[in-house]
Every structure is written in C-alpha cells, then in structure tokens.
Amino acid sequence: MTEEQQKHLDQILGEADQLIAKKYKKGCKEYKTHLRDDYLAEELLSNAIDEAVDQLVYLLTLKDKLGF
C-alpha cells in the first residue's frame, strides 16, 4: 500500500468511526435501550433488513435524480 493509499484509508476509517459513534449515541439517547442486551437476534435482523431496504430506496432515488 502506498503512503497516499494509507492516508486515504485513515481518512475513511476516521470518518466512519465518527459516524458510527454519533449514530450509536443518538440511538441510545432516543430509544433508551442497550442494543446488545435489549433486542433479540430476530429483531436485530429484521431491523437491519428494513434499513437495507431503506438504503436501496434512497440509492435508486438518487440514481434517478442523477439521470443514470
């Protein structure tokens, strides 16, 4: 890996870390639950699928807006 690639990776990892921490803290405050302890595996899976579907809708809408 080149130095430039490492810098890019570090930038991506730093931004991802900040986004994850912010989202996790927001969820804790909003739902007042502990993600690991308060949800069954089935609930986590269902929520993840719902989020993936939402992401697909957003991406397809963006694709349409960009004219692809």
C-alpha atoms as a PDB file:
ATOM      1  CA  MET A   1       0.000   0.000   0.000  1.00  0.00           C
ATOM      2  CA  THR A   2       1.327   3.402  -0.887  1.00  0.00           C
ATOM      3  CA  GLU A   3       1.557   6.286   1.569  1.00  0.00           C
ATOM      4  CA  GLU A   4      -1.221   8.063  -0.329  1.00  0.00           C
ATOM      5  CA  GLN A   5      -3.460   4.998  -0.093  1.00  0.00           C
ATOM      6  CA  GLN A   6      -2.763   4.728   3.641  1.00  0.00           C
ATOM      7  CA  LYS A   7      -3.692   8.386   4.141  1.00  0.00           C
ATOM      8  CA  HIS A   8      -6.930   7.818   2.236  1.00  0.00           C
ATOM      9  CA  LEU A   9      -7.723   4.720   4.288  1.00  0.00           C
ATOM     10  CA  ASP A  10      -7.007   6.567   7.533  1.00  0.00           C
ATOM     11  CA  GLN A  11      -9.348   9.356   6.438  1.00  0.00           C
ATOM     12  CA  ILE A  12     -12.137   6.879   5.626  1.00  0.00           C
ATOM     13  CA  LEU A  13     -11.681   4.999   8.904  1.00  0.00           C
ATOM     14  CA  GLY A  14     -11.681   8.210  10.926  1.00  0.00           C
ATOM     15  CA  GLU A  15     -14.862   9.440   9.291  1.00  0.00           C
ATOM     16  CA  ALA A  16     -16.542   6.047   9.676  1.00  0.00           C
ATOM     17  CA  ASP A  17     -15.593   5.938  13.359  1.00  0.00           C
ATOM     18  CA  GLN A  18     -17.122   9.359  13.958  1.00  0.00           C
ATOM     19  CA  LEU A  19     -20.329   8.484  12.088  1.00  0.00           C
ATOM     20  CA  ILE A  20     -20.756   5.196  13.947  1.00  0.00           C
ATOM     21  CA  ALA A  21     -20.170   6.780  17.365  1.00  0.00           C
ATOM     22  CA  LYS A  22     -22.576   9.639  16.624  1.00  0.00           C
ATOM     23  CA  LYS A  23     -25.322   7.314  15.371  1.00  0.00           C
ATOM     24  CA  TYR A  24     -24.863   4.870  18.263  1.00  0.00           C
ATOM     25  CA  LYS A  25     -25.065   7.635  20.879  1.00  0.00           C
ATOM     26  CA  LYS A  26     -28.117   9.144  19.193  1.00  0.00           C
ATOM     27  CA  GLY A  27     -29.856   5.748  19.246  1.00  0.00           C
ATOM     28  CA  CYS A  28     -29.023   5.226  22.920  1.00  0.00           C
ATOM     29  CA  LYS A  29     -30.485   8.596  23.801  1.00  0.00           C
ATOM     30  CA  GLU A  30     -33.551   8.275  21.576  1.00  0.00           C
ATOM     31  CA  TYR A  31     -34.538   4.699  22.416  1.00  0.00           C
ATOM     32  CA  LYS A  32     -33.082   4.437  25.935  1.00  0.00           C
ATOM     33  CA  THR A  33     -32.114   0.844  25.278  1.00  0.00           C
ATOM     34  CA  HIS A  34     -28.939  -1.192  25.076  1.00  0.00           C
ATOM     35  CA  LEU A  35     -28.660  -2.515  21.547  1.00  0.00           C
ATOM     36  CA  ARG A  36     -26.877  -5.715  22.517  1.00  0.00           C
ATOM     37  CA  ASP A  37     -28.962  -6.600  25.576  1.00  0.00           C
ATOM     38  CA  ASP A  38     -32.436  -5.298  24.779  1.00  0.00           C
ATOM     39  CA  TYR A  39     -33.017  -6.759  21.312  1.00  0.00           C
ATOM     40  CA  LEU A  40     -33.453 -10.352  20.239  1.00  0.00           C
ATOM     41  CA  ALA A  41     -31.364 -11.590  17.335  1.00  0.00           C
ATOM     42  CA  GLU A  42     -34.532 -11.780  15.227  1.00  0.00           C
ATOM     43  CA  GLU A  43     -35.314  -8.133  15.966  1.00  0.00           C
ATOM     44  CA  LEU A  44     -31.795  -7.054  15.015  1.00  0.00           C
ATOM     45  CA  LEU A  45     -32.036  -8.985  11.758  1.00  0.00           C
ATOM     46  CA  SER A  46     -35.448  -7.541  10.940  1.00  0.00           C
ATOM     47  CA  ASN A  47     -34.267  -4.005  11.697  1.00  0.00           C
ATOM     48  CA  ALA A  48     -31.145  -4.499   9.578  1.00  0.00           C
ATOM     49  CA  ILE A  49     -33.232  -5.727   6.640  1.00  0.00           C
ATOM     50  CA  ASP A  50     -35.563  -2.726   6.987  1.00  0.00           C
ATOM     51  CA  GLU A  51     -32.559  -0.392   6.987  1.00  0.00           C
ATOM     52  CA  ALA A  52     -31.094  -2.117   3.926  1.00  0.00           C
ATOM     53  CA  VAL A  53     -34.385  -1.689   2.060  1.00  0.00           C
ATOM     54  CA  ASP A  54     -34.469   1.991   3.027  1.00  0.00           C
ATOM     55  CA  GLN A  55     -30.907   2.370   1.751  1.00  0.00           C
ATOM     56  CA  LEU A  56     -31.845   0.769  -1.555  1.00  0.00           C
ATOM     57  CA  VAL A  57     -34.796   3.150  -1.945  1.00  0.00           C
ATOM     58  CA  TYR A  58     -32.518   6.136  -1.283  1.00  0.00           C
ATOM     59  CA  LEU A  59     -29.887   4.881  -3.731  1.00  0.00           C
ATOM     60  CA  LEU A  60     -32.400   4.204  -6.504  1.00  0.00           C
ATOM     61  CA  THR A  61     -33.967   7.624  -5.963  1.00  0.00           C
ATOM     62  CA  LEU A  62     -30.528   9.251  -6.137  1.00  0.00           C
ATOM     63  CA  LYS A  63     -29.713   7.267  -9.283  1.00  0.00           C
ATOM     64  CA  ASP A  64     -32.923   8.583 -10.868  1.00  0.00           C
ATOM     65  CA  LYS A  65     -32.194  12.173  -9.799  1.00  0.00           C
ATOM     66  CA  LEU A  66     -28.696  11.935 -11.295  1.00  0.00           C
ATOM     67  CA  GLY A  67     -30.136  10.587 -14.550  1.00  0.00           C
ATOM     68  CA  PHE A  68     -28.484   7.172 -14.589  1.00  0.00           C
END
